[in-house]
């Protein structure tokens, strides 16, 4: 079982195609074999939480807080690294802000 903050390599199906690609993602939580994750991109121009080599990333990247998806544990190929406590808190704070905006609409 993977813990929240684990950065993994997973088989992700994109919403606009039937294509499945291996992509990095960060685990937000797991329940009953379903894993909720946020996608990670190496396009550092995108909005989100910055990840650097110092954080454990292979190259500078961004956790896309606007790209949240569910996958099965079987779709996860391997764990790459784990976010430190500070980076995890930054991620959850950003997600909370987004959810509170929805709640107040």
N, C-alpha and C. Protein backbone atom coordinates (compact mmCIF):
# COMPACT_ATOMS: atom_id res chain seq x y z
N UNK A 1 0.83 -1.18 0.00
CA UNK A 1 0.00 0.00 0.00
C UNK A 1 0.88 1.25 0.00
N UNK A 2 0.59 2.15 -0.91
CA UNK A 2 1.35 3.38 -1.01
C UNK A 2 0.77 4.46 -0.11
N UNK A 3 1.62 5.29 0.42
CA UNK A 3 1.19 6.34 1.33
C UNK A 3 1.04 7.66 0.60
N UNK A 4 0.20 8.55 1.12
CA UNK A 4 0.07 9.89 0.54
C UNK A 4 1.44 10.57 0.45
N UNK A 5 1.68 11.22 -0.67
CA UNK A 5 2.96 11.88 -0.90
C UNK A 5 3.94 11.05 -1.69
N UNK A 6 3.62 9.77 -1.92
CA UNK A 6 4.49 8.93 -2.74
C UNK A 6 4.38 9.37 -4.20
N UNK A 7 5.52 9.57 -4.83
CA UNK A 7 5.53 9.89 -6.27
C UNK A 7 5.79 8.58 -6.99
N UNK A 8 4.90 8.25 -7.91
CA UNK A 8 4.94 6.95 -8.58
C UNK A 8 4.98 7.11 -10.10
N UNK A 9 5.34 6.05 -10.77
CA UNK A 9 5.21 5.95 -12.22
C UNK A 9 3.99 5.07 -12.46
N UNK A 10 3.01 5.60 -13.18
CA UNK A 10 1.74 4.88 -13.34
C UNK A 10 1.27 4.91 -14.78
N UNK A 11 0.48 3.92 -15.14
CA UNK A 11 -0.17 3.88 -16.45
C UNK A 11 -1.44 4.71 -16.35
N UNK A 12 -1.47 5.83 -17.08
CA UNK A 12 -2.57 6.79 -16.99
C UNK A 12 -3.30 6.85 -18.32
N UNK A 13 -4.63 6.73 -18.27
CA UNK A 13 -5.43 6.90 -19.49
C UNK A 13 -5.88 8.35 -19.54
N UNK A 14 -5.62 8.99 -20.67
CA UNK A 14 -5.99 10.38 -20.83
C UNK A 14 -7.46 10.50 -21.17
N UNK A 15 -8.08 11.60 -20.72
CA UNK A 15 -9.51 11.76 -20.88
C UNK A 15 -9.92 12.08 -22.31
N UNK A 16 -9.02 12.67 -23.09
CA UNK A 16 -9.39 13.06 -24.45
C UNK A 16 -9.06 12.01 -25.50
N UNK A 17 -8.42 10.91 -25.09
CA UNK A 17 -8.12 9.81 -26.02
C UNK A 17 -8.23 8.49 -25.25
N UNK A 18 -8.07 7.40 -25.96
CA UNK A 18 -8.04 6.10 -25.29
C UNK A 18 -6.61 5.66 -25.02
N UNK A 19 -5.68 6.56 -25.28
CA UNK A 19 -4.27 6.27 -25.13
C UNK A 19 -3.88 6.15 -23.65
N UNK A 20 -3.03 5.18 -23.36
CA UNK A 20 -2.51 5.00 -22.00
C UNK A 20 -1.00 5.22 -22.07
N UNK A 21 -0.51 6.08 -21.19
CA UNK A 21 0.92 6.38 -21.16
C UNK A 21 1.42 6.26 -19.73
N UNK A 22 2.71 5.96 -19.61
CA UNK A 22 3.34 5.95 -18.29
C UNK A 22 3.68 7.38 -17.92
N UNK A 23 3.18 7.80 -16.77
CA UNK A 23 3.38 9.17 -16.31
C UNK A 23 3.61 9.20 -14.80
N UNK A 24 4.38 10.17 -14.34
CA UNK A 24 4.55 10.31 -12.89
C UNK A 24 3.31 10.96 -12.28
N UNK A 25 3.03 10.60 -11.05
CA UNK A 25 1.90 11.15 -10.32
C UNK A 25 2.22 11.07 -8.83
N UNK A 26 1.56 11.91 -8.07
CA UNK A 26 1.73 11.89 -6.61
C UNK A 26 0.43 11.36 -5.99
N UNK A 27 0.58 10.42 -5.08
CA UNK A 27 -0.57 9.81 -4.40
C UNK A 27 -1.15 10.80 -3.40
N UNK A 28 -2.46 11.04 -3.51
CA UNK A 28 -3.16 11.89 -2.54
C UNK A 28 -3.76 11.03 -1.44
N UNK A 29 -4.44 9.94 -1.84
CA UNK A 29 -4.90 8.95 -0.87
C UNK A 29 -5.30 7.68 -1.60
N UNK A 30 -5.43 6.60 -0.84
CA UNK A 30 -5.80 5.29 -1.38
C UNK A 30 -6.92 4.75 -0.51
N UNK A 31 -7.90 4.12 -1.17
CA UNK A 31 -9.00 3.52 -0.43
C UNK A 31 -9.56 2.36 -1.24
N UNK A 32 -9.60 1.19 -0.65
CA UNK A 32 -10.17 -0.01 -1.27
C UNK A 32 -9.57 -0.31 -2.65
N UNK A 33 -8.26 -0.12 -2.77
CA UNK A 33 -7.58 -0.44 -4.04
C UNK A 33 -7.67 0.65 -5.09
N UNK A 34 -8.39 1.71 -4.79
CA UNK A 34 -8.46 2.85 -5.71
C UNK A 34 -7.52 3.93 -5.19
N UNK A 35 -6.72 4.48 -6.09
CA UNK A 35 -5.73 5.48 -5.74
C UNK A 35 -6.11 6.80 -6.39
N UNK A 36 -6.22 7.85 -5.59
CA UNK A 36 -6.47 9.19 -6.10
C UNK A 36 -5.12 9.90 -6.16
N UNK A 37 -4.81 10.43 -7.34
CA UNK A 37 -3.49 11.00 -7.57
C UNK A 37 -3.58 12.31 -8.33
N UNK A 38 -2.50 13.07 -8.27
CA UNK A 38 -2.36 14.30 -9.05
C UNK A 38 -1.24 14.07 -10.05
N UNK A 39 -1.49 14.48 -11.29
CA UNK A 39 -0.49 14.30 -12.34
C UNK A 39 0.70 15.24 -12.15
N UNK A 40 1.81 14.82 -12.71
CA UNK A 40 3.05 15.60 -12.68
C UNK A 40 3.51 15.80 -14.11
N UNK A 41 3.97 17.01 -14.44
CA UNK A 41 4.48 17.30 -15.77
C UNK A 41 5.86 17.93 -15.67
N UNK A 42 6.66 17.73 -16.71
CA UNK A 42 7.96 18.39 -16.76
C UNK A 42 7.86 19.76 -17.43
N UNK A 43 6.64 20.14 -17.85
CA UNK A 43 6.42 21.47 -18.42
C UNK A 43 6.31 22.46 -17.27
N UNK A 44 7.41 23.11 -16.94
CA UNK A 44 7.46 23.98 -15.76
C UNK A 44 6.72 25.29 -15.97
N UNK A 45 6.18 25.51 -17.17
CA UNK A 45 5.37 26.69 -17.43
C UNK A 45 3.94 26.53 -16.89
N UNK A 46 3.54 25.30 -16.60
CA UNK A 46 2.19 25.04 -16.11
C UNK A 46 2.06 25.45 -14.65
N UNK A 47 0.81 25.75 -14.25
CA UNK A 47 0.54 26.12 -12.86
C UNK A 47 0.52 24.87 -12.00
N UNK A 48 0.94 25.03 -10.77
CA UNK A 48 0.91 23.93 -9.82
C UNK A 48 2.01 24.07 -8.79
N UNK A 49 2.37 22.96 -8.19
CA UNK A 49 3.39 22.94 -7.15
C UNK A 49 4.72 22.52 -7.78
N UNK A 50 5.72 23.36 -7.65
CA UNK A 50 7.03 23.08 -8.25
C UNK A 50 7.71 21.90 -7.55
N UNK A 51 8.31 21.03 -8.35
CA UNK A 51 9.15 19.94 -7.86
C UNK A 51 10.52 20.11 -8.48
N UNK A 52 11.54 20.01 -7.67
CA UNK A 52 12.91 20.16 -8.16
C UNK A 52 13.69 18.87 -7.98
N UNK A 53 14.89 18.85 -8.52
CA UNK A 53 15.76 17.70 -8.30
C UNK A 53 16.05 17.52 -6.81
N UNK A 54 16.13 18.64 -6.10
CA UNK A 54 16.36 18.59 -4.65
C UNK A 54 15.22 17.85 -3.95
N UNK A 55 13.99 17.97 -4.49
CA UNK A 55 12.83 17.28 -3.92
C UNK A 55 12.85 15.78 -4.23
N UNK A 56 13.66 15.38 -5.23
CA UNK A 56 13.73 13.98 -5.64
C UNK A 56 13.35 13.73 -7.08
N UNK A 57 12.87 14.77 -7.77
CA UNK A 57 12.46 14.62 -9.17
C UNK A 57 13.68 14.41 -10.07
N UNK A 58 13.48 13.67 -11.15
CA UNK A 58 14.56 13.45 -12.12
C UNK A 58 14.91 14.75 -12.82
N UNK A 59 13.87 15.54 -13.11
CA UNK A 59 14.08 16.88 -13.65
C UNK A 59 13.02 17.79 -13.07
N UNK A 60 13.25 19.10 -13.14
CA UNK A 60 12.30 20.05 -12.59
C UNK A 60 10.93 19.80 -13.21
N UNK A 61 9.91 19.79 -12.37
CA UNK A 61 8.56 19.42 -12.78
C UNK A 61 7.53 20.23 -12.00
N UNK A 62 6.25 19.96 -12.28
CA UNK A 62 5.15 20.63 -11.60
C UNK A 62 4.08 19.60 -11.28
N UNK A 63 3.60 19.62 -10.04
CA UNK A 63 2.43 18.81 -9.67
C UNK A 63 1.22 19.60 -10.12
N UNK A 64 0.44 19.02 -11.00
CA UNK A 64 -0.72 19.71 -11.57
C UNK A 64 -1.93 19.53 -10.65
N UNK A 65 -2.23 20.55 -9.88
CA UNK A 65 -3.34 20.46 -8.94
C UNK A 65 -4.69 20.55 -9.64
N UNK A 66 -4.66 20.80 -10.94
CA UNK A 66 -5.92 20.80 -11.71
C UNK A 66 -6.11 19.48 -12.46
N UNK A 67 -5.23 18.52 -12.25
CA UNK A 67 -5.32 17.23 -12.94
C UNK A 67 -5.30 16.11 -11.90
N UNK A 68 -6.46 15.83 -11.35
CA UNK A 68 -6.64 14.80 -10.32
C UNK A 68 -7.39 13.64 -10.95
N UNK A 69 -6.94 12.42 -10.68
CA UNK A 69 -7.58 11.25 -11.28
C UNK A 69 -7.50 10.05 -10.35
N UNK A 70 -8.31 9.05 -10.66
CA UNK A 70 -8.33 7.80 -9.89
C UNK A 70 -7.78 6.69 -10.77
N UNK A 71 -6.96 5.85 -10.18
CA UNK A 71 -6.46 4.67 -10.89
C UNK A 71 -6.40 3.51 -9.92
N UNK A 72 -6.22 2.33 -10.44
CA UNK A 72 -6.12 1.14 -9.59
C UNK A 72 -4.68 0.96 -9.15
N UNK A 73 -4.50 0.25 -8.07
CA UNK A 73 -3.13 -0.05 -7.60
C UNK A 73 -2.34 -0.78 -8.68
N UNK A 74 -3.03 -1.59 -9.49
CA UNK A 74 -2.35 -2.36 -10.54
C UNK A 74 -1.74 -1.48 -11.63
N UNK A 75 -2.25 -0.24 -11.77
CA UNK A 75 -1.73 0.68 -12.78
C UNK A 75 -0.42 1.33 -12.34
N UNK A 76 -0.06 1.15 -11.07
CA UNK A 76 1.17 1.76 -10.56
C UNK A 76 2.33 0.80 -10.78
N UNK A 77 3.31 1.29 -11.53
CA UNK A 77 4.46 0.47 -11.87
C UNK A 77 5.50 0.43 -10.75
N UNK A 78 5.84 1.61 -10.24
CA UNK A 78 6.83 1.65 -9.16
C UNK A 78 6.80 3.01 -8.47
N UNK A 79 7.33 3.02 -7.25
CA UNK A 79 7.47 4.28 -6.52
C UNK A 79 8.81 4.89 -6.89
N UNK A 80 8.81 6.21 -7.15
CA UNK A 80 10.02 6.91 -7.53
C UNK A 80 10.69 7.59 -6.33
N UNK A 81 9.92 8.29 -5.54
CA UNK A 81 10.40 8.95 -4.32
C UNK A 81 9.20 9.40 -3.51
N UNK A 82 9.43 10.02 -2.38
CA UNK A 82 8.36 10.52 -1.52
C UNK A 82 8.55 12.01 -1.27
N UNK A 83 7.46 12.75 -1.34
CA UNK A 83 7.53 14.18 -1.03
C UNK A 83 7.88 14.37 0.44
N UNK A 84 8.67 15.41 0.72
CA UNK A 84 8.94 15.70 2.12
C UNK A 84 7.70 16.33 2.76
N UNK A 85 7.70 16.43 4.06
CA UNK A 85 6.52 16.91 4.80
C UNK A 85 6.10 18.30 4.35
N UNK A 86 7.06 19.19 4.12
CA UNK A 86 6.77 20.56 3.72
C UNK A 86 6.12 20.61 2.34
N UNK A 87 6.63 19.84 1.39
CA UNK A 87 6.09 19.82 0.03
C UNK A 87 4.69 19.21 0.03
N UNK A 88 4.50 18.17 0.84
CA UNK A 88 3.18 17.54 0.97
C UNK A 88 2.16 18.54 1.51
N UNK A 89 2.56 19.31 2.53
CA UNK A 89 1.66 20.30 3.11
C UNK A 89 1.32 21.39 2.10
N UNK A 90 2.31 21.81 1.30
CA UNK A 90 2.07 22.80 0.25
C UNK A 90 1.04 22.28 -0.75
N UNK A 91 1.15 21.02 -1.13
CA UNK A 91 0.22 20.40 -2.06
C UNK A 91 -1.19 20.36 -1.47
N UNK A 92 -1.33 19.88 -0.25
CA UNK A 92 -2.66 19.79 0.36
C UNK A 92 -3.28 21.16 0.61
N UNK A 93 -2.46 22.16 0.94
CA UNK A 93 -2.98 23.52 1.11
C UNK A 93 -3.55 24.05 -0.21
N UNK A 94 -2.85 23.80 -1.30
CA UNK A 94 -3.32 24.26 -2.62
C UNK A 94 -4.62 23.55 -3.01
N UNK A 95 -4.70 22.26 -2.76
CA UNK A 95 -5.92 21.52 -3.07
C UNK A 95 -7.09 22.00 -2.22
N UNK A 96 -6.81 22.30 -0.95
CA UNK A 96 -7.86 22.80 -0.07
C UNK A 96 -8.40 24.14 -0.58
N UNK A 97 -7.52 25.02 -1.04
CA UNK A 97 -7.95 26.31 -1.61
C UNK A 97 -8.89 26.10 -2.78
N UNK A 98 -8.52 25.17 -3.67
CA UNK A 98 -9.35 24.90 -4.84
C UNK A 98 -10.72 24.36 -4.42
N UNK A 99 -10.76 23.46 -3.46
CA UNK A 99 -12.03 22.89 -3.01
C UNK A 99 -12.89 23.93 -2.30
N UNK A 100 -12.27 24.81 -1.55
CA UNK A 100 -13.03 25.86 -0.85
C UNK A 100 -13.65 26.83 -1.85
N UNK A 101 -12.98 27.09 -2.95
CA UNK A 101 -13.56 27.96 -4.00
C UNK A 101 -14.83 27.32 -4.55
N UNK A 102 -14.80 26.01 -4.75
CA UNK A 102 -15.98 25.30 -5.25
C UNK A 102 -17.12 25.35 -4.24
N UNK A 103 -16.77 25.19 -2.98
CA UNK A 103 -17.76 25.15 -1.90
C UNK A 103 -18.49 26.49 -1.79
N UNK A 104 -17.77 27.58 -2.04
CA UNK A 104 -18.33 28.91 -1.87
C UNK A 104 -19.07 29.43 -3.10
N UNK A 105 -19.13 28.64 -4.15
CA UNK A 105 -19.82 29.09 -5.37
C UNK A 105 -21.30 28.83 -5.27
